[in-house]
Amino acid sequence: MSTTSLRTCVGCRTVTSPDQLVRVTTENTADGPRVVADLHRRLGGRGAWVHATRQCVDRAVRKRAFNRSFRTAVTAQHLTEQLRVLLPAQEGEHKESESEDHGKPMSAGR
């Protein structure tokens, strides 16, 4: 049995490897707690995981999944802005990984 850890995306509820998700946590501000990306996975406190795609982030905001994950009302607008820089590269990588031939050599498709 594998000891690999798995995480669930709070947006689409897909269970996958942490390498395919972005960890998010909260940071306290004068306006209250807000969700921030923990790209280096070193920030303390409760964390949640989400795919770095607009669809998953928007769905998590719409379903108030971040509020449930952090057990408090949080603002996620900053997260959307923070991930906007990463989204074009991450979305292309995410789609590519879904369509890989899963271990088949590159020459097998020729």
Protein backbone atom coordinates (compact mmCIF):
# COMPACT_ATOMS: atom_id res chain seq x y z
CA MET A 1 0.00 0.00 0.00
CA SER A 2 1.26 3.46 -0.89
CA THR A 3 1.93 6.02 1.83
CA THR A 4 1.47 8.96 -0.54
CA SER A 5 -0.72 11.68 0.95
CA LEU A 6 -3.71 12.96 -0.98
CA ARG A 7 -5.61 16.24 -0.67
CA THR A 8 -9.09 17.35 -1.74
CA CYS A 9 -9.62 20.50 -3.80
CA VAL A 10 -12.15 22.67 -1.94
CA GLY A 11 -13.51 23.88 -5.29
CA CYS A 12 -14.17 20.74 -7.35
CA ARG A 13 -13.83 18.20 -4.49
CA THR A 14 -11.38 16.09 -6.55
CA VAL A 15 -8.94 14.03 -4.48
CA THR A 16 -5.42 14.33 -5.90
CA SER A 17 -1.73 14.70 -5.09
CA PRO A 18 -0.69 17.89 -3.27
CA ASP A 19 1.69 18.58 -6.18
CA GLN A 20 -1.32 19.42 -8.36
CA LEU A 21 -2.90 21.79 -5.82
CA VAL A 22 -2.06 25.11 -4.18
CA ARG A 23 -2.17 25.31 -0.39
CA VAL A 24 -3.99 28.35 0.94
CA THR A 25 -4.17 29.70 4.46
CA THR A 26 -5.40 32.86 6.16
CA GLU A 27 -3.71 36.08 7.11
CA ASN A 28 -5.17 38.59 9.56
CA THR A 29 -5.74 42.11 8.27
CA ALA A 30 -7.48 45.20 9.63
CA ASP A 31 -10.56 44.18 7.61
CA GLY A 32 -10.53 40.63 9.02
CA PRO A 33 -8.97 37.37 7.86
CA ARG A 34 -8.26 36.89 4.17
CA VAL A 35 -7.21 33.87 2.15
CA VAL A 36 -3.66 33.87 0.76
CA ALA A 37 -1.71 31.36 -1.31
CA ASP A 38 1.00 29.48 0.58
CA LEU A 39 3.19 28.67 -2.41
CA HIS A 40 6.10 27.39 -0.34
CA ARG A 41 3.82 25.46 2.04
CA ARG A 42 5.56 26.91 5.07
CA LEU A 43 2.94 29.21 6.61
CA GLY A 44 1.46 28.00 9.86
CA GLY A 45 -2.13 27.41 10.76
CA ARG A 46 -5.05 25.64 9.18
CA GLY A 47 -4.73 25.18 5.44
CA ALA A 48 -6.96 24.30 2.52
CA TRP A 49 -6.10 23.06 -0.96
CA VAL A 50 -7.40 24.22 -4.34
CA HIS A 51 -6.48 23.75 -8.00
CA ALA A 52 -4.91 26.91 -9.42
CA THR A 53 -7.70 27.33 -11.96
CA ARG A 54 -10.31 30.05 -12.20
CA GLN A 55 -13.07 27.44 -12.16
CA CYS A 56 -11.99 25.85 -8.88
CA VAL A 57 -11.26 29.14 -7.10
CA ASP A 58 -14.56 30.67 -8.27
CA ARG A 59 -16.50 27.56 -7.27
CA ALA A 60 -14.86 27.53 -3.82
CA VAL A 61 -15.78 31.19 -3.32
CA ARG A 62 -19.34 30.64 -4.57
CA LYS A 63 -19.87 27.60 -2.32
CA ARG A 64 -18.19 29.38 0.64
CA ALA A 65 -15.80 26.45 0.90
CA PHE A 66 -13.00 28.64 2.28
CA ASN A 67 -15.27 29.80 5.11
CA ARG A 68 -15.99 26.17 6.02
CA SER A 69 -12.35 25.11 5.70
CA PHE A 70 -11.09 27.89 7.96
CA ARG A 71 -14.13 27.78 10.26
CA THR A 72 -14.58 31.54 10.03
CA ALA A 73 -15.71 34.19 7.57
CA VAL A 74 -12.82 35.03 5.25
CA THR A 75 -12.31 37.27 2.23
CA ALA A 76 -11.03 35.43 -0.84
CA GLN A 77 -10.82 38.36 -3.28
CA HIS A 78 -7.10 38.76 -2.55
CA LEU A 79 -6.53 35.08 -3.43
CA THR A 80 -8.13 35.52 -6.83
CA GLU A 81 -5.87 38.48 -7.54
CA GLN A 82 -2.81 36.68 -6.17
CA LEU A 83 -3.40 33.57 -8.28
CA ARG A 84 -4.23 35.56 -11.43
CA VAL A 85 -0.49 35.82 -12.08
CA LEU A 86 -0.11 32.04 -11.75
CA LEU A 87 -3.30 30.95 -13.54
CA PRO A 88 -2.20 31.04 -17.19
CA ALA A 89 0.81 28.81 -16.52
CA GLN A 90 -0.99 26.58 -14.02
CA GLU A 91 -4.07 26.04 -16.20
CA GLY A 92 -1.95 24.90 -19.14
CA GLU A 93 -0.01 22.50 -16.93
CA HIS A 94 -3.18 21.15 -15.29
CA LYS A 95 -4.86 20.41 -18.62
CA GLU A 96 -1.69 18.80 -19.98
CA SER A 97 -1.35 16.51 -16.97
CA GLU A 98 -4.96 15.32 -17.41
CA SER A 99 -4.30 14.27 -21.01
CA GLU A 100 -0.94 12.53 -20.50
CA ASP A 101 -0.55 8.97 -21.71
CA HIS A 102 0.31 7.87 -18.14
CA GLY A 103 3.68 6.23 -18.57
CA LYS A 104 3.57 5.41 -22.26
CA PRO A 105 6.77 6.34 -24.09
CA MET A 106 6.53 9.35 -26.37
CA SER A 107 7.34 7.26 -29.43
CA ALA A 108 4.35 4.96 -28.80
CA GLY A 109 1.94 7.57 -30.19
CA ARG A 110 3.74 7.88 -33.55
